């Protein structure tokens, strides 16, 4: 089992969710996060004063998938979240040792 975590622009959430559903991924966790990458934030003008915004609002999506769905999941997220502009985000894949569904006690792939 794998955890696929993606940092995306907030307005891309619905497109990513639809893309994941189309490849058979059901269920995700979404967290509002802030951060920056190569763009290192930006400046904004508010009431005539210029402010540096170092941390930009992003969403972190996490999905647990069986090994055979990792490729399609990564491709679906990448295609749906891509705008071609700086700050589109990142996708991370890591191993998942164990999953347990609390309600039934099912474990591992059955819990997904």
N, C-alpha and C. Protein backbone atom coordinates (compact mmCIF):
# COMPACT_ATOMS: atom_id res chain seq x y z
N UNK A 1 0.84 -1.17 0.00
CA UNK A 1 0.00 0.00 0.00
C UNK A 1 0.88 1.24 0.00
N UNK A 2 0.34 2.29 -0.58
CA UNK A 2 1.08 3.55 -0.69
C UNK A 2 0.19 4.70 -0.28
N UNK A 3 0.84 5.77 0.21
CA UNK A 3 0.16 7.04 0.45
C UNK A 3 0.63 7.98 -0.65
N UNK A 4 -0.31 8.57 -1.36
CA UNK A 4 0.00 9.58 -2.36
C UNK A 4 -0.47 10.91 -1.77
N UNK A 5 0.48 11.81 -1.57
CA UNK A 5 0.19 13.15 -1.03
C UNK A 5 0.51 14.17 -2.11
N UNK A 6 -0.38 15.11 -2.30
CA UNK A 6 -0.18 16.14 -3.31
C UNK A 6 -0.47 17.50 -2.72
N UNK A 7 0.37 18.46 -3.04
CA UNK A 7 0.16 19.86 -2.68
C UNK A 7 -0.30 20.55 -3.96
N UNK A 8 -1.51 21.12 -3.93
CA UNK A 8 -2.07 21.71 -5.14
C UNK A 8 -2.63 23.11 -4.85
N UNK A 9 -2.93 23.82 -5.92
CA UNK A 9 -3.61 25.11 -5.78
C UNK A 9 -5.06 24.86 -5.38
N UNK A 10 -5.60 25.69 -4.49
CA UNK A 10 -6.95 25.42 -3.97
C UNK A 10 -8.05 25.33 -5.03
N UNK A 11 -7.99 26.12 -6.08
CA UNK A 11 -9.07 26.11 -7.06
C UNK A 11 -9.06 24.87 -7.95
N UNK A 12 -8.07 24.00 -7.80
CA UNK A 12 -7.98 22.78 -8.59
C UNK A 12 -8.58 21.56 -7.88
N UNK A 13 -9.10 21.74 -6.67
CA UNK A 13 -9.58 20.61 -5.88
C UNK A 13 -10.67 19.81 -6.58
N UNK A 14 -11.69 20.46 -7.11
CA UNK A 14 -12.79 19.72 -7.75
C UNK A 14 -12.31 18.92 -8.94
N UNK A 15 -11.41 19.49 -9.74
CA UNK A 15 -10.89 18.77 -10.90
C UNK A 15 -10.09 17.55 -10.46
N UNK A 16 -9.29 17.70 -9.41
CA UNK A 16 -8.49 16.58 -8.92
C UNK A 16 -9.39 15.49 -8.35
N UNK A 17 -10.40 15.89 -7.59
CA UNK A 17 -11.33 14.90 -7.02
C UNK A 17 -12.03 14.12 -8.13
N UNK A 18 -12.49 14.80 -9.16
CA UNK A 18 -13.15 14.11 -10.28
C UNK A 18 -12.19 13.17 -11.00
N UNK A 19 -10.94 13.60 -11.18
CA UNK A 19 -9.94 12.76 -11.85
C UNK A 19 -9.65 11.51 -11.03
N UNK A 20 -9.55 11.66 -9.71
CA UNK A 20 -9.28 10.50 -8.86
C UNK A 20 -10.46 9.52 -8.87
N UNK A 21 -11.66 10.05 -8.84
CA UNK A 21 -12.84 9.18 -8.89
C UNK A 21 -12.87 8.39 -10.19
N UNK A 22 -12.46 9.03 -11.29
CA UNK A 22 -12.49 8.36 -12.59
C UNK A 22 -11.48 7.21 -12.70
N UNK A 23 -10.40 7.25 -11.90
CA UNK A 23 -9.44 6.13 -11.94
C UNK A 23 -9.69 5.11 -10.83
N UNK A 24 -10.76 5.30 -10.05
CA UNK A 24 -11.13 4.31 -9.04
C UNK A 24 -10.63 4.58 -7.64
N UNK A 25 -10.18 5.80 -7.39
CA UNK A 25 -9.75 6.16 -6.04
C UNK A 25 -10.93 6.81 -5.33
N UNK A 26 -11.37 6.20 -4.24
CA UNK A 26 -12.52 6.72 -3.51
C UNK A 26 -12.07 7.06 -2.09
N UNK A 27 -12.27 8.29 -1.71
CA UNK A 27 -11.89 8.75 -0.38
C UNK A 27 -10.57 9.46 -0.40
N UNK A 28 -10.53 10.60 0.24
CA UNK A 28 -9.30 11.37 0.35
C UNK A 28 -9.38 12.26 1.57
N UNK A 29 -8.25 12.70 2.01
CA UNK A 29 -8.16 13.68 3.09
C UNK A 29 -7.60 14.95 2.50
N UNK A 30 -8.25 16.08 2.81
CA UNK A 30 -7.82 17.38 2.30
C UNK A 30 -7.53 18.28 3.49
N UNK A 31 -6.37 18.90 3.47
CA UNK A 31 -5.95 19.80 4.53
C UNK A 31 -5.55 21.14 3.92
N UNK A 32 -6.00 22.23 4.52
CA UNK A 32 -5.56 23.55 4.09
C UNK A 32 -4.18 23.80 4.67
N UNK A 33 -3.22 24.11 3.81
CA UNK A 33 -1.84 24.33 4.25
C UNK A 33 -1.32 25.62 3.62
N UNK A 34 -0.19 26.08 4.10
CA UNK A 34 0.49 27.23 3.52
C UNK A 34 1.94 26.85 3.30
N UNK A 35 2.51 27.41 2.24
CA UNK A 35 3.91 27.10 1.98
C UNK A 35 4.41 27.86 0.78
N UNK A 36 5.65 27.56 0.42
CA UNK A 36 6.22 28.15 -0.78
C UNK A 36 7.28 27.22 -1.33
N UNK A 37 7.53 27.39 -2.60
CA UNK A 37 8.58 26.62 -3.27
C UNK A 37 9.52 27.59 -3.93
N UNK A 38 9.77 27.36 -5.20
CA UNK A 38 10.69 28.23 -5.92
C UNK A 38 10.18 29.65 -6.08
N UNK A 39 8.84 29.83 -6.06
CA UNK A 39 8.31 31.18 -6.26
C UNK A 39 8.53 32.07 -5.04
N UNK A 40 8.83 31.49 -3.89
CA UNK A 40 9.16 32.22 -2.66
C UNK A 40 8.14 33.28 -2.29
N UNK A 41 6.87 33.00 -2.51
CA UNK A 41 5.81 33.95 -2.14
C UNK A 41 5.67 35.04 -3.17
N UNK A 42 4.97 36.11 -2.80
CA UNK A 42 4.79 37.25 -3.68
C UNK A 42 4.46 38.48 -2.85
N UNK A 43 4.33 39.63 -3.49
CA UNK A 43 3.98 40.85 -2.78
C UNK A 43 2.57 41.26 -3.15
N UNK A 44 1.88 41.85 -2.20
CA UNK A 44 0.54 42.37 -2.42
C UNK A 44 0.48 43.80 -1.91
N UNK A 45 -0.42 44.57 -2.50
CA UNK A 45 -0.62 45.94 -2.04
C UNK A 45 -1.98 46.01 -1.36
N UNK A 46 -1.98 46.47 -0.11
CA UNK A 46 -3.21 46.60 0.66
C UNK A 46 -3.25 47.99 1.26
N UNK A 47 -4.26 48.75 0.91
CA UNK A 47 -4.42 50.13 1.37
C UNK A 47 -3.17 50.96 1.14
N UNK A 48 -2.60 50.79 -0.02
CA UNK A 48 -1.45 51.60 -0.41
C UNK A 48 -0.11 51.12 0.10
N UNK A 49 -0.09 50.13 0.96
CA UNK A 49 1.17 49.62 1.50
C UNK A 49 1.48 48.27 0.87
N UNK A 50 2.72 48.01 0.59
CA UNK A 50 3.15 46.76 -0.03
C UNK A 50 3.55 45.77 1.06
N UNK A 51 3.02 44.56 0.97
CA UNK A 51 3.31 43.50 1.93
C UNK A 51 3.89 42.29 1.21
N UNK A 52 4.84 41.66 1.85
CA UNK A 52 5.40 40.41 1.32
C UNK A 52 4.60 39.24 1.89
N UNK A 53 4.06 38.43 1.02
CA UNK A 53 3.34 37.23 1.44
C UNK A 53 4.28 36.06 1.19
N UNK A 54 4.86 35.56 2.28
CA UNK A 54 5.87 34.51 2.16
C UNK A 54 5.27 33.12 1.98
N UNK A 55 4.12 32.88 2.59
CA UNK A 55 3.50 31.57 2.53
C UNK A 55 2.19 31.67 1.77
N UNK A 56 2.08 30.89 0.70
CA UNK A 56 0.90 30.92 -0.15
C UNK A 56 -0.08 29.83 0.26
N UNK A 57 -1.38 30.10 0.15
CA UNK A 57 -2.37 29.07 0.51
C UNK A 57 -2.37 27.93 -0.51
N UNK A 58 -2.35 26.72 -0.01
CA UNK A 58 -2.37 25.51 -0.83
C UNK A 58 -3.29 24.49 -0.16
N UNK A 59 -3.56 23.41 -0.86
CA UNK A 59 -4.28 22.28 -0.29
C UNK A 59 -3.38 21.05 -0.36
N UNK A 60 -3.42 20.25 0.69
CA UNK A 60 -2.70 18.98 0.70
C UNK A 60 -3.74 17.87 0.63
N UNK A 61 -3.61 17.05 -0.39
CA UNK A 61 -4.51 15.92 -0.58
C UNK A 61 -3.74 14.65 -0.27
N UNK A 62 -4.34 13.75 0.51
CA UNK A 62 -3.71 12.48 0.82
C UNK A 62 -4.69 11.35 0.50
N UNK A 63 -4.21 10.36 -0.26
CA UNK A 63 -5.01 9.19 -0.57
C UNK A 63 -4.17 7.94 -0.34
N UNK A 64 -4.80 6.92 0.21
CA UNK A 64 -4.15 5.63 0.39
C UNK A 64 -4.63 4.73 -0.74
N UNK A 65 -3.68 4.13 -1.46
CA UNK A 65 -4.03 3.32 -2.63
C UNK A 65 -3.25 2.02 -2.64
N UNK A 66 -3.81 0.99 -3.27
CA UNK A 66 -3.04 -0.24 -3.46
C UNK A 66 -1.93 0.00 -4.48
N UNK A 67 -0.90 -0.81 -4.48
CA UNK A 67 0.25 -0.59 -5.36
C UNK A 67 -0.10 -0.46 -6.85
N UNK A 68 -1.11 -1.18 -7.32
CA UNK A 68 -1.44 -1.13 -8.74
C UNK A 68 -2.12 0.17 -9.16
N UNK A 69 -2.58 0.97 -8.19
CA UNK A 69 -3.23 2.24 -8.52
C UNK A 69 -2.32 3.45 -8.36
N UNK A 70 -1.07 3.24 -7.96
CA UNK A 70 -0.16 4.37 -7.74
C UNK A 70 0.06 5.16 -9.03
N UNK A 71 0.40 4.48 -10.10
CA UNK A 71 0.65 5.16 -11.38
C UNK A 71 -0.54 5.96 -11.87
N UNK A 72 -1.73 5.32 -12.00
CA UNK A 72 -2.89 6.07 -12.44
C UNK A 72 -3.27 7.23 -11.51
N UNK A 73 -3.05 7.05 -10.21
CA UNK A 73 -3.35 8.11 -9.24
C UNK A 73 -2.44 9.31 -9.45
N UNK A 74 -1.15 9.06 -9.58
CA UNK A 74 -0.19 10.14 -9.79
C UNK A 74 -0.49 10.86 -11.11
N UNK A 75 -0.76 10.10 -12.16
CA UNK A 75 -1.07 10.71 -13.46
C UNK A 75 -2.34 11.55 -13.40
N UNK A 76 -3.37 11.05 -12.72
CA UNK A 76 -4.64 11.78 -12.62
C UNK A 76 -4.46 13.09 -11.87
N UNK A 77 -3.74 13.04 -10.75
CA UNK A 77 -3.51 14.27 -9.98
C UNK A 77 -2.68 15.26 -10.80
N UNK A 78 -1.62 14.79 -11.42
CA UNK A 78 -0.76 15.66 -12.20
C UNK A 78 -1.50 16.34 -13.34
N UNK A 79 -2.31 15.58 -14.07
CA UNK A 79 -3.04 16.16 -15.20
C UNK A 79 -4.11 17.14 -14.74
N UNK A 80 -4.81 16.81 -13.66
CA UNK A 80 -5.90 17.67 -13.21
C UNK A 80 -5.41 18.93 -12.51
N UNK A 81 -4.26 18.86 -11.83
CA UNK A 81 -3.78 20.01 -11.06
C UNK A 81 -2.88 20.94 -11.87
N UNK A 82 -2.46 20.52 -13.04
CA UNK A 82 -1.50 21.30 -13.83
C UNK A 82 -2.15 22.53 -14.45
N UNK A 83 -1.53 23.70 -14.23
CA UNK A 83 -1.93 24.93 -14.91
C UNK A 83 -0.83 25.40 -15.85
N UNK A 84 0.38 24.88 -15.66
CA UNK A 84 1.52 25.31 -16.46
C UNK A 84 2.22 26.53 -15.87
N UNK A 85 1.72 27.02 -14.76
CA UNK A 85 2.31 28.18 -14.10
C UNK A 85 3.14 27.72 -12.90
N UNK A 86 4.04 28.58 -12.46
CA UNK A 86 4.83 28.28 -11.28
C UNK A 86 3.90 28.14 -10.08
N UNK A 87 4.21 27.19 -9.20
CA UNK A 87 3.40 26.98 -8.00
C UNK A 87 2.30 25.95 -8.15
N UNK A 88 2.35 25.13 -9.22
CA UNK A 88 1.33 24.10 -9.42
C UNK A 88 1.35 23.05 -8.31
N UNK A 89 2.49 22.84 -7.67
CA UNK A 89 2.54 21.93 -6.53
C UNK A 89 3.48 20.75 -6.74
N UNK A 90 3.34 19.77 -5.87
CA UNK A 90 4.18 18.59 -5.87
C UNK A 90 3.33 17.37 -5.53
N UNK A 91 3.83 16.20 -5.94
CA UNK A 91 3.21 14.93 -5.59
C UNK A 91 4.28 14.07 -4.93
N UNK A 92 3.93 13.48 -3.79
CA UNK A 92 4.85 12.61 -3.05
C UNK A 92 4.21 11.24 -2.89
N UNK A 93 5.00 10.19 -3.05
CA UNK A 93 4.52 8.82 -2.85
C UNK A 93 5.38 8.18 -1.77
N UNK A 94 4.73 7.62 -0.76
CA UNK A 94 5.48 6.95 0.31
C UNK A 94 4.78 5.65 0.67
N UNK A 95 5.51 4.78 1.33
CA UNK A 95 4.98 3.47 1.73
C UNK A 95 4.03 3.60 2.91
N UNK A 96 3.06 2.72 2.93
CA UNK A 96 2.10 2.66 4.02
C UNK A 96 2.18 1.25 4.61
N UNK A 97 2.61 1.16 5.85
CA UNK A 97 2.83 -0.15 6.47
C UNK A 97 1.54 -0.86 6.85
N UNK A 98 0.57 -0.10 7.36
CA UNK A 98 -0.64 -0.74 7.84
C UNK A 98 -1.80 0.23 7.77
N UNK A 99 -2.98 -0.28 7.46
CA UNK A 99 -4.22 0.51 7.48
C UNK A 99 -5.27 -0.30 8.22
N UNK A 100 -6.04 0.38 9.06
CA UNK A 100 -7.08 -0.30 9.84
C UNK A 100 -8.35 0.55 9.77
N UNK A 101 -9.46 -0.06 9.36
CA UNK A 101 -10.75 0.62 9.39
C UNK A 101 -11.29 0.48 10.81
N UNK A 102 -11.50 1.60 11.47
CA UNK A 102 -11.89 1.60 12.87
C UNK A 102 -13.24 0.91 13.08
N UNK A 103 -14.21 1.20 12.24
CA UNK A 103 -15.57 0.67 12.42
C UNK A 103 -15.62 -0.85 12.39
N UNK A 104 -14.90 -1.47 11.45
CA UNK A 104 -15.02 -2.92 11.27
C UNK A 104 -13.80 -3.70 11.71
N UNK A 105 -12.68 -3.01 11.88
CA UNK A 105 -11.44 -3.71 12.22
C UNK A 105 -10.73 -4.29 11.00
N UNK A 106 -11.24 -4.05 9.79
CA UNK A 106 -10.58 -4.56 8.59
C UNK A 106 -9.18 -3.96 8.50
N UNK A 107 -8.29 -4.74 7.92
CA UNK A 107 -6.89 -4.31 7.86
C UNK A 107 -6.37 -4.28 6.44
N UNK A 108 -5.39 -3.42 6.25
CA UNK A 108 -4.60 -3.30 5.02
C UNK A 108 -5.48 -3.05 3.81
N UNK A 109 -5.35 -3.84 2.74
CA UNK A 109 -6.10 -3.54 1.51
C UNK A 109 -7.61 -3.57 1.72
N UNK A 110 -8.08 -4.43 2.62
CA UNK A 110 -9.53 -4.48 2.90
C UNK A 110 -10.01 -3.18 3.56
N UNK A 111 -9.12 -2.49 4.25
CA UNK A 111 -9.47 -1.26 4.95
C UNK A 111 -9.55 -0.07 4.00
N UNK A 112 -8.91 -0.20 2.83
CA UNK A 112 -8.94 0.90 1.87
C UNK A 112 -10.29 0.91 1.18
